Amino acid sequence: MTKAISMDALLSPWVDCPSLASVLVSELELDSRKVQPGTTFVALVGHVVDGRKFIASAIEKGANAVIAQACDVKAHGTIDIIDDIPVVYL
């Protein structure tokens, strides 16, 4: 049995995002190539590759949401919507 948590509950220690209460997170994936419909993609800045470059690809593959490392591109807590999919920057 897969357990799910709402995106707003998952992120509540870091950001207040009640608008994401209907987005359920049951599976996280760091590799955009492995994203399947319903997966939440986590886009991190790595030592070699910046995972944020693959946000669009993950959404095309069916990611239900994206949690992205904010760093130098967005302010902490920014929520973008791309093709009706929330992208939350932390």
Protein backbone atom coordinates (compact mmCIF):
# COMPACT_ATOMS: atom_id res chain seq x y z
CA MET A 1 0.00 0.00 0.00
CA THR A 2 1.38 3.36 -1.05
CA LYS A 3 0.99 6.20 1.40
CA ALA A 4 0.59 9.77 0.24
CA ILE A 5 0.96 13.15 1.88
CA SER A 6 -0.35 16.45 0.60
CA MET A 7 2.25 18.79 -0.84
CA ASP A 8 1.29 21.53 1.64
CA ALA A 9 1.79 19.16 4.60
CA LEU A 10 5.11 17.89 3.24
CA LEU A 11 6.48 21.40 2.77
CA SER A 12 4.91 23.00 5.85
CA PRO A 13 8.18 23.18 7.85
CA TRP A 14 9.66 25.40 5.12
CA VAL A 15 6.87 27.20 3.29
CA ASP A 16 3.16 27.91 3.66
CA CYS A 17 1.41 26.70 0.51
CA PRO A 18 -2.24 25.80 1.30
CA SER A 19 -3.07 26.10 -2.40
CA LEU A 20 -1.21 22.80 -2.90
CA ALA A 21 -3.35 20.78 -0.46
CA SER A 22 -4.88 18.82 -3.34
CA VAL A 23 -1.49 17.74 -4.74
CA LEU A 24 -0.63 14.34 -3.28
CA VAL A 25 2.97 13.16 -3.00
CA SER A 26 3.44 9.40 -2.88
CA GLU A 27 6.72 8.97 -4.75
CA LEU A 28 9.75 11.26 -5.07
CA GLU A 29 12.26 10.98 -7.91
CA LEU A 30 15.63 12.71 -8.33
CA ASP A 31 16.28 11.38 -11.85
CA SER A 32 14.01 13.00 -14.45
CA ARG A 33 14.53 10.01 -16.77
CA LYS A 34 12.75 7.80 -14.23
CA VAL A 35 9.73 10.05 -13.69
CA GLN A 36 6.40 8.32 -14.28
CA PRO A 37 2.90 9.79 -14.19
CA GLY A 38 2.10 10.90 -10.64
CA THR A 39 5.72 11.09 -9.48
CA THR A 40 6.97 14.25 -7.75
CA PHE A 41 10.28 15.33 -9.26
CA VAL A 42 12.96 16.79 -6.96
CA ALA A 43 15.31 19.08 -8.91
CA LEU A 44 18.60 19.67 -7.12
CA VAL A 45 21.81 21.38 -8.14
CA GLY A 46 24.39 18.60 -8.31
CA HIS A 47 28.16 18.65 -8.58
CA VAL A 48 28.03 17.84 -12.29
CA VAL A 49 24.45 18.44 -13.45
CA ASP A 50 21.81 20.99 -12.46
CA GLY A 51 18.61 18.98 -12.07
CA ARG A 52 16.53 22.12 -12.58
CA LYS A 53 17.39 21.90 -16.29
CA PHE A 54 15.18 18.82 -16.45
CA ILE A 55 12.01 20.26 -14.90
CA ALA A 56 10.25 20.56 -18.27
CA SER A 57 11.23 17.00 -19.18
CA ALA A 58 9.88 15.65 -15.89
CA ILE A 59 6.60 17.49 -16.41
CA GLU A 60 6.33 16.08 -19.95
CA LYS A 61 6.75 12.59 -18.48
CA GLY A 62 3.86 13.13 -16.07
CA ALA A 63 5.31 14.59 -12.87
CA ASN A 64 2.46 15.79 -10.68
CA ALA A 65 4.65 18.44 -9.02
CA VAL A 66 8.25 19.60 -8.76
CA ILE A 67 10.26 20.57 -5.69
CA ALA A 68 13.27 22.56 -6.89
CA GLN A 69 16.32 23.98 -5.20
CA ALA A 70 15.95 27.77 -5.26
CA CYS A 71 19.62 28.82 -4.95
CA ASP A 72 20.23 31.66 -7.34
CA VAL A 73 17.22 31.35 -9.68
CA LYS A 74 14.13 31.97 -7.52
CA ALA A 75 13.25 33.28 -4.09
CA HIS A 76 12.60 30.69 -1.39
CA GLY A 77 8.93 29.74 -1.40
CA THR A 78 8.24 30.81 -4.98
CA ILE A 79 5.59 28.67 -6.66
CA ASP A 80 5.52 28.64 -10.45
CA ILE A 81 2.89 26.83 -12.49
CA ILE A 82 4.11 25.14 -15.67
CA ASP A 83 1.46 23.37 -17.75
CA ASP A 84 -0.81 23.29 -14.66
CA ILE A 85 1.95 21.61 -12.60
CA PRO A 86 3.24 23.37 -9.46
CA VAL A 87 6.99 23.97 -9.22
CA VAL A 88 7.94 24.92 -5.65
CA TYR A 89 11.35 26.49 -5.04
CA LEU A 90 12.97 25.92 -1.64
